[in-house]
C-alpha atoms as a PDB file:
ATOM      1  CA  GLY A   1     -10.684 -19.847  -0.547  1.00  0.00           C
ATOM      2  CA  LEU A   2     -14.429 -20.295  -0.024  1.00  0.00           C
ATOM      3  CA  LEU A   3     -15.164 -21.131  -3.672  1.00  0.00           C
ATOM      4  CA  ARG A   4     -13.273 -23.494  -5.935  1.00  0.00           C
ATOM      5  CA  PRO A   5     -12.249 -21.715  -9.166  1.00  0.00           C
ATOM      6  CA  ASP A   6     -13.451 -23.060 -12.508  1.00  0.00           C
ATOM      7  CA  SER A   7      -9.984 -22.433 -13.900  1.00  0.00           C
ATOM      8  CA  GLY A   8      -6.755 -20.600 -13.200  1.00  0.00           C
ATOM      9  CA  GLU A   9      -5.122 -19.904  -9.866  1.00  0.00           C
ATOM     10  CA  VAL A  10      -4.462 -17.082  -7.437  1.00  0.00           C
ATOM     11  CA  LEU A  11      -1.004 -16.781  -5.930  1.00  0.00           C
ATOM     12  CA  VAL A  12      -0.016 -14.368  -3.165  1.00  0.00           C
ATOM     13  CA  THR A  13       3.365 -13.656  -1.618  1.00  0.00           C
ATOM     14  CA  ALA A  14       3.190 -14.531   2.070  1.00  0.00           C
ATOM     15  CA  ASP A  15       4.855 -12.621   4.891  1.00  0.00           C
ATOM     16  CA  ASP A  16       7.820 -15.001   4.776  1.00  0.00           C
ATOM     17  CA  GLY A  17       8.478 -14.077   1.137  1.00  0.00           C
ATOM     18  CA  THR A  18       7.230 -17.351  -0.336  1.00  0.00           C
ATOM     19  CA  THR A  19       4.315 -17.619  -2.755  1.00  0.00           C
ATOM     20  CA  GLY A  20       1.228 -19.774  -2.346  1.00  0.00           C
ATOM     21  CA  SER A  21      -2.533 -20.066  -2.541  1.00  0.00           C
ATOM     22  CA  PRO A  22      -4.693 -17.838  -0.299  1.00  0.00           C
ATOM     23  CA  THR A  23      -6.360 -21.031   0.947  1.00  0.00           C
ATOM     24  CA  GLU A  24      -3.210 -21.591   3.040  1.00  0.00           C
ATOM     25  CA  PRO A  25      -3.337 -19.887   6.489  1.00  0.00           C
ATOM     26  CA  ARG A  26       0.248 -18.582   6.183  1.00  0.00           C
ATOM     27  CA  VAL A  27      -0.693 -16.876   2.916  1.00  0.00           C
ATOM     28  CA  ARG A  28      -4.066 -15.630   4.123  1.00  0.00           C
ATOM     29  CA  ARG A  29      -2.235 -13.605   6.775  1.00  0.00           C
ATOM     30  CA  ALA A  30      -0.957 -11.444   3.912  1.00  0.00           C
ATOM     31  CA  LEU A  31      -4.525 -10.448   2.955  1.00  0.00           C
ATOM     32  CA  GLY A  32      -6.527  -7.559   4.368  1.00  0.00           C
ATOM     33  CA  VAL A  33     -10.260  -7.445   3.667  1.00  0.00           C
ATOM     34  CA  ALA A  34     -12.756  -4.594   4.089  1.00  0.00           C
ATOM     35  CA  PRO A  35     -16.150  -6.046   3.094  1.00  0.00           C
ATOM     36  CA  GLN A  36     -19.096  -3.954   1.961  1.00  0.00           C
ATOM     37  CA  SER A  37     -21.049  -5.200   4.983  1.00  0.00           C
ATOM     38  CA  LEU A  38     -19.275  -3.557   7.907  1.00  0.00           C
ATOM     39  CA  SER A  39     -17.292  -6.053   9.993  1.00  0.00           C
ATOM     40  CA  LEU A  40     -17.261  -4.098  13.236  1.00  0.00           C
ATOM     41  CA  TYR A  41     -18.478  -4.642  16.794  1.00  0.00           C
ATOM     42  CA  ASP A  42     -20.878  -1.790  17.606  1.00  0.00           C
ATOM     43  CA  ASN A  43     -20.651  -2.355  21.364  1.00  0.00           C
ATOM     44  CA  LEU A  44     -16.854  -1.883  21.339  1.00  0.00           C
ATOM     45  CA  THR A  45     -14.846   1.297  20.871  1.00  0.00           C
ATOM     46  CA  ALA A  46     -12.721   1.973  17.797  1.00  0.00           C
ATOM     47  CA  ALA A  47      -9.531   1.088  19.671  1.00  0.00           C
ATOM     48  CA  GLU A  48     -11.097  -2.098  21.053  1.00  0.00           C
ATOM     49  CA  ASN A  49     -12.218  -3.168  17.581  1.00  0.00           C
ATOM     50  CA  LEU A  50      -8.705  -2.774  16.230  1.00  0.00           C
ATOM     51  CA  ARG A  51      -7.297  -4.625  19.232  1.00  0.00           C
ATOM     52  CA  VAL A  52      -9.594  -7.575  18.493  1.00  0.00           C
ATOM     53  CA  PHE A  53      -8.617  -7.752  14.826  1.00  0.00           C
ATOM     54  CA  GLY A  54      -4.947  -7.300  15.645  1.00  0.00           C
ATOM     55  CA  ALA A  55      -5.089 -10.152  18.139  1.00  0.00           C
ATOM     56  CA  LEU A  56      -6.583 -12.426  15.479  1.00  0.00           C
ATOM     57  CA  PHE A  57      -3.370 -11.926  13.516  1.00  0.00           C
ATOM     58  CA  GLY A  58      -1.161 -12.580  16.529  1.00  0.00           C
ATOM     59  CA  LEU A  59      -0.357  -8.961  17.371  1.00  0.00           C
ATOM     60  CA  ALA A  60      -0.110  -7.887  21.001  1.00  0.00           C
ATOM     61  CA  GLY A  61       1.563  -5.501  23.424  1.00  0.00           C
ATOM     62  CA  ARG A  62       3.365  -2.357  22.380  1.00  0.00           C
ATOM     63  CA  PRO A  63       3.587  -3.202  18.643  1.00  0.00           C
ATOM     64  CA  LEU A  64      -0.213  -3.577  18.488  1.00  0.00           C
ATOM     65  CA  ALA A  65      -0.796  -0.426  20.547  1.00  0.00           C
ATOM     66  CA  ALA A  66       1.513   1.546  18.239  1.00  0.00           C
ATOM     67  CA  ARG A  67      -0.215   0.174  15.135  1.00  0.00           C
ATOM     68  CA  ILE A  68      -3.654   1.036  16.532  1.00  0.00           C
ATOM     69  CA  ALA A  69      -2.548   4.614  17.266  1.00  0.00           C
ATOM     70  CA  GLU A  70      -1.069   4.899  13.767  1.00  0.00           C
ATOM     71  CA  LEU A  71      -4.240   3.644  12.077  1.00  0.00           C
ATOM     72  CA  LEU A  72      -6.593   5.786  14.147  1.00  0.00           C
ATOM     73  CA  ASP A  73      -4.547   8.827  13.159  1.00  0.00           C
ATOM     74  CA  MET A  74      -4.548   7.702   9.513  1.00  0.00           C
ATOM     75  CA  VAL A  75      -8.351   7.435   9.368  1.00  0.00           C
ATOM     76  CA  GLY A  76      -8.978  10.548  11.458  1.00  0.00           C
ATOM     77  CA  LEU A  77     -10.534   8.827  14.467  1.00  0.00           C
ATOM     78  CA  THR A  78      -7.989   9.499  17.211  1.00  0.00           C
ATOM     79  CA  ASP A  79     -10.332  11.869  19.042  1.00  0.00           C
ATOM     80  CA  ARG A  80     -13.135   9.272  18.958  1.00  0.00           C
ATOM     81  CA  ALA A  81     -10.987   6.225  19.758  1.00  0.00           C
ATOM     82  CA  GLY A  82     -12.699   5.661  23.100  1.00  0.00           C
ATOM     83  CA  ASP A  83     -16.283   6.010  21.817  1.00  0.00           C
ATOM     84  CA  ARG A  84     -18.465   3.035  21.018  1.00  0.00           C
ATOM     85  CA  VAL A  85     -18.849   2.378  17.312  1.00  0.00           C
ATOM     86  CA  ALA A  86     -22.653   2.307  17.668  1.00  0.00           C
ATOM     87  CA  GLY A  87     -22.551   6.112  17.898  1.00  0.00           C
ATOM     88  CA  TYR A  88     -20.420   6.596  14.791  1.00  0.00           C
ATOM     89  CA  SER A  89     -21.654   8.071  11.520  1.00  0.00           C
ATOM     90  CA  GLY A  90     -21.625   5.938   8.375  1.00  0.00           C
ATOM     91  CA  GLY A  91     -18.445   7.601   7.144  1.00  0.00           C
ATOM     92  CA  MET A  92     -16.648   7.010  10.436  1.00  0.00           C
ATOM     93  CA  LYS A  93     -17.617   3.345  10.387  1.00  0.00           C
ATOM     94  CA  ARG A  94     -16.322   2.990   6.803  1.00  0.00           C
ATOM     95  CA  ARG A  95     -12.984   4.515   7.803  1.00  0.00           C
ATOM     96  CA  LEU A  96     -12.705   2.219  10.823  1.00  0.00           C
ATOM     97  CA  ASN A  97     -13.655  -0.761   8.651  1.00  0.00           C
ATOM     98  CA  LEU A  98     -10.700   0.086   6.418  1.00  0.00           C
ATOM     99  CA  ALA A  99      -8.392   0.461   9.424  1.00  0.00           C
ATOM    100  CA  ALA A 100      -9.420  -3.009  10.638  1.00  0.00           C
ATOM    101  CA  ALA A 101      -8.381  -4.448   7.275  1.00  0.00           C
ATOM    102  CA  LEU A 102      -4.955  -2.814   7.605  1.00  0.00           C
ATOM    103  CA  VAL A 103      -4.129  -3.595  11.228  1.00  0.00           C
ATOM    104  CA  HIS A 104      -1.677  -6.396  10.343  1.00  0.00           C
ATOM    105  CA  ASN A 105      -0.045  -4.404   7.500  1.00  0.00           C
ATOM    106  CA  PRO A 106      -1.166  -6.761   4.691  1.00  0.00           C
ATOM    107  CA  ARG A 107       0.544  -7.114   1.322  1.00  0.00           C
ATOM    108  CA  VAL A 108      -2.782  -7.399  -0.551  1.00  0.00           C
ATOM    109  CA  VAL A 109      -5.852  -5.344   0.397  1.00  0.00           C
ATOM    110  CA  LEU A 110      -9.323  -6.310  -0.870  1.00  0.00           C
ATOM    111  CA  LEU A 111     -11.848  -3.456  -0.738  1.00  0.00           C
ATOM    112  CA  ASP A 112     -15.472  -4.183  -1.599  1.00  0.00           C
ATOM    113  CA  GLU A 113     -17.308  -0.904  -2.296  1.00  0.00           C
ATOM    114  CA  PRO A 114     -15.514   0.907   0.548  1.00  0.00           C
ATOM    115  CA  THR A 115     -17.357   4.210  -0.036  1.00  0.00           C
ATOM    116  CA  ALA A 116     -20.912   2.827  -0.186  1.00  0.00           C
ATOM    117  CA  GLY A 117     -23.405   5.117   1.531  1.00  0.00           C
ATOM    118  CA  VAL A 118     -20.996   7.806   2.734  1.00  0.00           C
ATOM    119  CA  ASP A 119     -20.999  11.593   2.379  1.00  0.00           C
ATOM    120  CA  PRO A 120     -18.716  13.377  -0.139  1.00  0.00           C
ATOM    121  CA  GLN A 121     -16.169  14.361   2.519  1.00  0.00           C
ATOM    122  CA  SER A 122     -15.823  10.770   3.760  1.00  0.00           C
ATOM    123  CA  ARG A 123     -15.597   9.499   0.176  1.00  0.00           C
ATOM    124  CA  HIS A 124     -12.775  11.958  -0.538  1.00  0.00           C
ATOM    125  CA  SER A 125     -10.963  10.888   2.643  1.00  0.00           C
ATOM    126  CA  LEU A 126     -11.340   7.174   1.852  1.00  0.00           C
ATOM    127  CA  LEU A 127     -10.025   7.617  -1.688  1.00  0.00           C
ATOM    128  CA  GLU A 128      -7.006   9.468  -0.319  1.00  0.00           C
ATOM    129  CA  LEU A 129      -6.410   6.584   2.089  1.00  0.00           C
ATOM    130  CA  VAL A 130      -6.552   4.080  -0.777  1.00  0.00           C
ATOM    131  CA  GLY A 131      -3.951   6.121  -2.622  1.00  0.00           C
ATOM    132  CA  ARG A 132      -1.748   6.133   0.467  1.00  0.00           C
ATOM    133  CA  ILE A 133      -2.057   2.358   0.899  1.00  0.00           C
ATOM    134  CA  ARG A 134      -1.039   1.860  -2.721  1.00  0.00           C
ATOM    135  CA  SER A 135       1.891   4.284  -2.477  1.00  0.00           C
ATOM    136  CA  GLU A 136       3.203   2.385   0.557  1.00  0.00           C
ATOM    137  CA  GLY A 137       3.540  -0.778  -1.513  1.00  0.00           C
ATOM    138  CA  ALA A 138       0.369  -2.807  -0.969  1.00  0.00           C
ATOM    139  CA  ALA A 139      -1.535  -4.260  -3.905  1.00  0.00           C
ATOM    140  CA  VAL A 140      -5.141  -3.026  -3.770  1.00  0.00           C
ATOM    141  CA  ILE A 141      -8.068  -4.809  -5.423  1.00  0.00           C
ATOM    142  CA  TYR A 142     -10.926  -2.320  -5.439  1.00  0.00           C
ATOM    143  CA  THR A 143     -14.520  -3.230  -6.307  1.00  0.00           C
ATOM    144  CA  THR A 144     -16.890  -0.358  -7.069  1.00  0.00           C
ATOM    145  CA  HIS A 145     -19.904   0.754  -9.086  1.00  0.00           C
ATOM    146  CA  TYR A 146     -18.608   4.348  -9.069  1.00  0.00           C
ATOM    147  CA  MET A 147     -16.666   4.699 -12.303  1.00  0.00           C
ATOM    148  CA  GLU A 148     -15.156   8.036 -11.299  1.00  0.00           C
ATOM    149  CA  GLU A 149     -13.570   6.304  -8.291  1.00  0.00           C
ATOM    150  CA  ALA A 150     -12.055   3.560 -10.423  1.00  0.00           C
ATOM    151  CA  GLN A 151     -10.796   6.160 -12.888  1.00  0.00           C
ATOM    152  CA  LYS A 152      -9.166   8.095 -10.045  1.00  0.00           C
ATOM    153  CA  VAL A 153      -7.495   5.364  -7.978  1.00  0.00           C
ATOM    154  CA  CYS A 154      -6.878   2.339 -10.252  1.00  0.00           C
ATOM    155  CA  ASP A 155      -3.834   1.558 -12.379  1.00  0.00           C
ATOM    156  CA  ARG A 156      -5.764  -1.161 -14.234  1.00  0.00           C
ATOM    157  CA  VAL A 157      -9.519  -1.637 -14.487  1.00  0.00           C
ATOM    158  CA  ALA A 158     -11.544  -4.756 -15.244  1.00  0.00           C
ATOM    159  CA  ILE A 159     -15.127  -4.279 -16.467  1.00  0.00           C
ATOM    160  CA  MET A 160     -17.325  -7.199 -15.392  1.00  0.00           C
ATOM    161  CA  ASP A 161     -20.949  -7.982 -16.201  1.00  0.00           C
ATOM    162  CA  HIS A 162     -22.946 -10.959 -14.879  1.00  0.00           C
ATOM    163  CA  GLY A 163     -19.725 -12.646 -13.765  1.00  0.00           C
ATOM    164  CA  ARG A 164     -17.984 -12.245 -17.142  1.00  0.00           C
ATOM    165  CA  LEU A 165     -14.844 -10.223 -17.729  1.00  0.00           C
ATOM    166  CA  LEU A 166     -15.591  -7.928 -20.690  1.00  0.00           C
ATOM    167  CA  ALA A 167     -12.391  -5.892 -20.834  1.00  0.00           C
ATOM    168  CA  MET A 168      -9.299  -5.120 -18.776  1.00  0.00           C
ATOM    169  CA  ASP A 169      -6.698  -2.434 -19.383  1.00  0.00           C
ATOM    170  CA  THR A 170      -5.422   0.872 -18.075  1.00  0.00           C
ATOM    171  CA  VAL A 171      -8.041   3.615 -17.868  1.00  0.00           C
ATOM    172  CA  ASP A 172      -6.581   5.345 -20.931  1.00  0.00           C
ATOM    173  CA  GLY A 173      -6.459   2.048 -22.816  1.00  0.00           C
ATOM    174  CA  LEU A 174     -10.110   1.266 -22.065  1.00  0.00           C
ATOM    175  CA  ILE A 175     -11.235   4.739 -23.107  1.00  0.00           C
ATOM    176  CA  ALA A 176      -9.240   4.527 -26.338  1.00  0.00           C
ATOM    177  CA  SER A 177     -10.635   1.073 -27.178  1.00  0.00           C
ATOM    178  CA  HIS A 178     -14.231   1.346 -25.993  1.00  0.00           C
ATOM    179  CA  GLY A 179     -15.016   4.991 -25.210  1.00  0.00           C
ATOM    180  CA  GLY A 180     -16.023   6.162 -28.657  1.00  0.00           C
ATOM    181  CA  SER A 181     -15.648   9.669 -30.040  1.00  0.00           C
ATOM    182  CA  SER A 182     -15.457  12.986 -28.267  1.00  0.00           C
ATOM    183  CA  VAL A 183     -18.361  15.377 -28.755  1.00  0.00           C
ATOM    184  CA  VAL A 184     -17.926  19.084 -29.448  1.00  0.00           C
ATOM    185  CA  VAL A 185     -20.981  21.213 -28.673  1.00  0.00           C
ATOM    186  CA  ALA A 186     -21.078  24.811 -29.893  1.00  0.00           C
ATOM    187  CA  GLU A 187     -23.730  27.454 -29.292  1.00  0.00           C
ATOM    188  CA  SER A 188     -24.273  30.340 -31.695  1.00  0.00           C
ATOM    189  CA  PRO A 189     -27.167  32.700 -32.565  1.00  0.00           C
ATOM    190  CA  ALA A 190     -28.223  30.107 -35.144  1.00  0.00           C
ATOM    191  CA  GLY A 191     -28.594  27.446 -32.435  1.00  0.00           C
ATOM    192  CA  ALA A 192     -26.625  24.497 -31.078  1.00  0.00           C
ATOM    193  CA  GLU A 193     -24.284  22.362 -33.176  1.00  0.00           C
ATOM    194  CA  ARG A 194     -23.063  18.962 -32.004  1.00  0.00           C
ATOM    195  CA  ARG A 195     -20.112  17.168 -33.616  1.00  0.00           C
ATOM    196  CA  GLU A 196     -18.816  13.683 -32.853  1.00  0.00           C
ATOM    197  CA  THR A 197     -15.117  13.676 -33.621  1.00  0.00           C
ATOM    198  CA  ALA A 198     -11.839  11.873 -33.085  1.00  0.00           C
ATOM    199  CA  GLU A 199     -10.001  15.213 -33.314  1.00  0.00           C
ATOM    200  CA  PRO A 200     -11.874  17.615 -31.031  1.00  0.00           C
ATOM    201  CA  LEU A 201      -9.212  20.334 -31.089  1.00  0.00           C
ATOM    202  CA  LYS A 202      -9.388  20.513 -34.886  1.00  0.00           C
ATOM    203  CA  ASP A 203     -13.166  20.926 -34.744  1.00  0.00           C
ATOM    204  CA  VAL A 204     -12.877  23.553 -32.026  1.00  0.00           C
ATOM    205  CA  ALA A 205     -10.493  25.570 -34.211  1.00  0.00           C
ATOM    206  CA  GLU A 206     -12.885  25.364 -37.178  1.00  0.00           C
ATOM    207  CA  LEU A 207     -15.868  26.443 -35.105  1.00  0.00           C
ATOM    208  CA  LEU A 208     -14.045  29.350 -33.484  1.00  0.00           C
ATOM    209  CA  ALA A 209     -12.833  30.514 -36.893  1.00  0.00           C
ATOM    210  CA  ARG A 210     -16.454  31.185 -37.878  1.00  0.00           C
ATOM    211  CA  GLY A 211     -16.608  34.006 -35.369  1.00  0.00           C
ATOM    212  CA  ASP A 212     -20.208  33.476 -34.237  1.00  0.00           C
ATOM    213  CA  VAL A 213     -19.721  30.869 -31.490  1.00  0.00           C
ATOM    214  CA  THR A 214     -20.872  32.127 -28.075  1.00  0.00           C
ATOM    215  CA  THR A 215     -20.155  29.034 -25.959  1.00  0.00           C
ATOM    216  CA  LEU A 216     -18.256  25.839 -26.638  1.00  0.00           C
ATOM    217  CA  ARG A 217     -17.848  22.549 -24.790  1.00  0.00           C
ATOM    218  CA  ILE A 218     -15.893  19.314 -25.338  1.00  0.00           C
ATOM    219  CA  ASP A 219     -17.404  16.156 -23.857  1.00  0.00           C
ATOM    220  CA  ARG A 220     -14.705  13.498 -23.791  1.00  0.00           C
ATOM    221  CA  PRO A 221     -15.482   9.815 -23.159  1.00  0.00           C
ATOM    222  CA  ASP A 222     -14.646   8.573 -19.674  1.00  0.00           C
ATOM    223  CA  LEU A 223     -14.733   5.269 -17.801  1.00  0.00           C
ATOM    224  CA  GLU A 224     -18.494   5.531 -17.287  1.00  0.00           C
ATOM    225  CA  THR A 225     -18.908   5.833 -21.065  1.00  0.00           C
ATOM    226  CA  VAL A 226     -16.793   2.694 -21.466  1.00  0.00           C
ATOM    227  CA  PHE A 227     -18.874   0.805 -18.891  1.00  0.00           C
ATOM    228  CA  LEU A 228     -22.172   1.725 -20.545  1.00  0.00           C
ATOM    229  CA  ASN A 229     -20.856   0.941 -24.041  1.00  0.00           C
ATOM    230  CA  LEU A 230     -19.758  -2.520 -22.881  1.00  0.00           C
ATOM    231  CA  THR A 231     -22.675  -3.467 -20.627  1.00  0.00           C
ATOM    232  CA  GLY A 232     -25.592  -1.581 -22.192  1.00  0.00           C
ATOM    233  CA  ARG A 233     -27.796   1.196 -20.871  1.00  0.00           C
ATOM    234  CA  SER A 234     -30.864  -0.762 -19.751  1.00  0.00           C
ATOM    235  CA  LEU A 235     -31.806  -0.742 -16.057  1.00  0.00           C
ATOM    236  CA  ARG A 236     -30.498  -3.562 -13.861  1.00  0.00           C
ATOM    237  CA  ASP A 237     -32.330  -5.260 -10.958  1.00  0.00           C
END
């Protein structure tokens, strides 16, 4: 609701079951947002942070306490619930940032690069949490520069470049339309042979039939291939 759209509209189902614009307060309550810039109070504990955000959505008493306990368990911070956030690692802060977005059980969750700057274990945990949120019925809009994350967690992917939508489809649909050919690479005593092909299994069978192949690899296009094919390979500033 901060920017006026050039065209089109966004409609969200509010908690009362009616549909409206997210500029309306009753509809905005249905949104949960985890921004890339952490929206946490470092001088408060994890539990206190969630209590603050819950109160902003009108939660209080036992229902809020139960929700806080549930979320802290979900993001693996129960044992550190009473510690100030200033002492948390980057991964712990990212997990708490996600919990703050979920405290009011939103219907739509907006995640802006939720794994930025975290270690592999925290990234794995966060991606599992996103999958859980989705499986419990929330719609998740996930912004990321990590194509492997989008390929893993998204039902539909939109490729954007300089504010323009270049393509949108399922992961398989994007790869089929914009990924290009598979590449079969075979090593033999005569050297390496590289084949671009639309039928990699057929080429593999032909190469193996020769009897001199020592190693063989199939490189299939993925979402990163699609992104680079659509946006180019030059460096961005």
